[in-house]
Every structure is written in structure tokens, then in C-alpha cells.
Amino acid sequence: IYALVLLVGSVWLLGHVRGLLHGLALKLFSNKTGSKVKFHIRLGGTSAWMPECYYSKGAYMAVLLLPMILCIGLLCVPLFFLGDPWFWAVYLVQIINVSAYFRDILAVYFLYGLPEM
């Protein structure tokens, strides 16, 4: 039961970290000074947006991919140092984390084919 609680808690925490990282990336690539990131916290994760800002195609793709690269990179580091049972626990969290980024990967795929505005 402890392993299940740890798994669900880790996935829940990553959902919120992912939203906060999207908010940080939105602010980082924003072309407007003084605009604020708005967050919507839900049970499964956090959403971030900046309604008054527009992004270039490249900047928006960076906003989508930055949290994925950071979270996957940070979760890969412990895999080199963990023993057998904890390795598989972190690996399972990593698999769930990567599957949560499917929407972002799909959005980047479709954005890539669109013309720059």
C-alpha cells in the first residue's frame, strides 16, 4: 500500500511541477513586460497561461518542450544511483510522466507544420 501511495503522490506532484514549469517557460519566452502568468490548480495538475501574450511558433514550441526536457532529465539522474526496487518505482513514475507529455509532443508536431505568422 505504501508503494501505491508513493506512486500516486509522485505522479500528483509531477502534475503540479509540470504546470509550474510551463508557467516559468511562458514568462521566460514572453514578449510583454509586466504581464503575469495565471495558474489554475486542479486535483490532477496545474494549468498556466498568459492571456494577453502572443508567442512565435518557435517560442511556443519551447514553452511546450522545456518542462518535458527538465522533468525527464531530473528523473533520469536518480536511476543511475538507485537499487533494484527503487529503480523500478522511479522508472514507473518516469513512464507515467512521459505519457503525460503526449499532448505537448502532439502540439509541437502539429505546430511544426504550420507557417510562421
Protein backbone atom coordinates (compact mmCIF):
# COMPACT_ATOMS: atom_id res chain seq x y z
CA ILE A 1 0.00 0.00 0.00
CA TYR A 2 2.94 2.35 0.70
CA ALA A 3 4.25 1.87 -2.81
CA LEU A 4 0.86 2.76 -4.30
CA VAL A 5 0.61 5.90 -2.16
CA LEU A 6 4.14 6.87 -3.16
CA LEU A 7 3.37 6.29 -6.85
CA VAL A 8 0.14 8.29 -6.82
CA GLY A 9 1.75 11.06 -4.77
CA SER A 10 4.72 11.28 -7.13
CA VAL A 11 2.50 11.49 -10.20
CA TRP A 12 0.30 14.09 -8.49
CA LEU A 13 3.35 16.17 -7.54
CA LEU A 14 4.79 15.94 -11.06
CA GLY A 15 1.48 17.17 -12.48
CA HIS A 16 1.81 20.35 -10.46
CA VAL A 17 5.55 20.75 -11.14
CA ARG A 18 4.83 20.37 -14.86
CA GLY A 19 2.28 23.21 -14.73
CA LEU A 20 4.61 25.44 -12.76
CA LEU A 21 7.40 24.80 -15.26
CA HIS A 22 5.05 25.68 -18.12
CA GLY A 23 4.30 28.94 -16.29
CA LEU A 24 8.01 29.65 -15.89
CA ALA A 25 8.58 28.95 -19.59
CA LEU A 26 5.65 31.21 -20.54
CA LYS A 27 7.17 34.03 -18.52
CA LEU A 28 10.66 33.33 -19.86
CA PHE A 29 9.61 33.48 -23.53
CA SER A 30 7.04 36.27 -23.13
CA ASN A 31 7.42 39.31 -25.35
CA LYS A 32 5.44 41.57 -22.98
CA THR A 33 6.98 43.03 -19.86
CA GLY A 34 4.79 43.31 -16.81
CA SER A 35 2.38 40.57 -17.87
CA LYS A 36 1.61 37.91 -15.28
CA VAL A 37 1.23 34.18 -15.54
CA LYS A 38 -2.15 32.89 -14.40
CA PHE A 39 -2.45 29.48 -12.79
CA HIS A 40 -5.41 27.17 -12.39
CA ILE A 41 -4.78 24.49 -9.79
CA ARG A 42 -6.82 21.32 -10.15
CA LEU A 43 -6.69 17.96 -8.47
CA GLY A 44 -4.52 16.32 -11.14
CA GLY A 45 -2.27 19.19 -12.08
CA THR A 46 -1.74 22.88 -12.61
CA SER A 47 -2.50 24.84 -15.77
CA ALA A 48 -0.63 28.01 -16.67
CA TRP A 49 -1.42 30.66 -19.26
CA MET A 50 -0.81 34.31 -20.13
CA PRO A 51 -3.96 35.52 -21.90
CA GLU A 52 -2.56 38.84 -23.15
CA CYS A 53 0.61 37.43 -24.72
CA TYR A 54 1.26 36.01 -28.16
CA TYR A 55 4.22 33.80 -28.96
CA SER A 56 6.11 32.97 -32.10
CA LYS A 57 5.95 29.39 -33.27
CA GLY A 58 9.44 28.60 -32.02
CA ALA A 59 8.87 30.22 -28.64
CA TYR A 60 5.62 28.34 -28.13
CA MET A 61 7.25 25.04 -29.05
CA ALA A 62 9.97 25.84 -26.49
CA VAL A 63 7.27 26.55 -23.88
CA LEU A 64 5.77 23.14 -24.60
CA LEU A 65 9.05 21.22 -24.57
CA LEU A 66 11.00 22.89 -21.75
CA PRO A 67 9.11 21.24 -18.84
CA MET A 68 9.33 17.86 -20.53
CA ILE A 69 13.10 18.10 -21.00
CA LEU A 70 13.66 19.30 -17.43
CA CYS A 71 11.41 16.71 -15.75
CA ILE A 72 12.70 13.79 -17.81
CA GLY A 73 16.29 14.88 -17.24
CA LEU A 74 15.85 15.30 -13.50
CA LEU A 75 14.09 11.95 -13.14
CA CYS A 76 16.82 10.15 -15.09
CA VAL A 77 19.58 11.16 -12.68
CA PRO A 78 18.38 9.03 -9.71
CA LEU A 79 18.06 5.98 -11.95
CA PHE A 80 21.86 5.70 -12.08
CA PHE A 81 22.17 5.52 -8.30
CA LEU A 82 19.12 3.60 -7.12
CA GLY A 83 18.99 -0.08 -6.25
CA ASP A 84 16.62 -2.63 -7.69
CA PRO A 85 13.22 -1.96 -6.06
CA TRP A 86 13.52 1.85 -6.07
CA PHE A 87 14.87 1.88 -9.62
CA TRP A 88 11.65 0.33 -10.90
CA ALA A 89 9.49 2.66 -8.81
CA VAL A 90 11.17 5.76 -10.22
CA TYR A 91 11.16 4.20 -13.69
CA LEU A 92 7.37 3.67 -13.47
CA VAL A 93 6.90 7.30 -12.40
CA GLN A 94 9.08 8.31 -15.37
CA ILE A 95 6.91 6.28 -17.78
CA ILE A 96 3.73 7.91 -16.45
CA ASN A 97 5.44 11.31 -16.64
CA VAL A 98 6.44 10.81 -20.27
CA SER A 99 2.93 9.69 -21.19
CA ALA A 100 1.56 12.89 -19.64
CA TYR A 101 3.64 14.90 -22.13
CA PHE A 102 1.94 13.25 -25.11
CA ARG A 103 -0.32 16.29 -25.60
CA ASP A 104 2.69 18.61 -25.70
CA ILE A 105 4.53 16.40 -28.17
CA LEU A 106 1.42 16.22 -30.37
CA ALA A 107 1.01 20.02 -30.24
CA VAL A 108 4.66 20.52 -31.26
CA TYR A 109 4.18 18.04 -34.11
CA PHE A 110 1.22 19.98 -35.48
CA LEU A 111 2.79 23.39 -34.84
CA TYR A 112 5.91 22.41 -36.75
CA GLY A 113 3.95 22.04 -39.97
CA LEU A 114 2.19 25.40 -39.66
CA PRO A 115 3.56 28.57 -41.31
CA GLU A 116 5.09 31.28 -39.13
CA MET A 117 2.76 34.22 -38.54
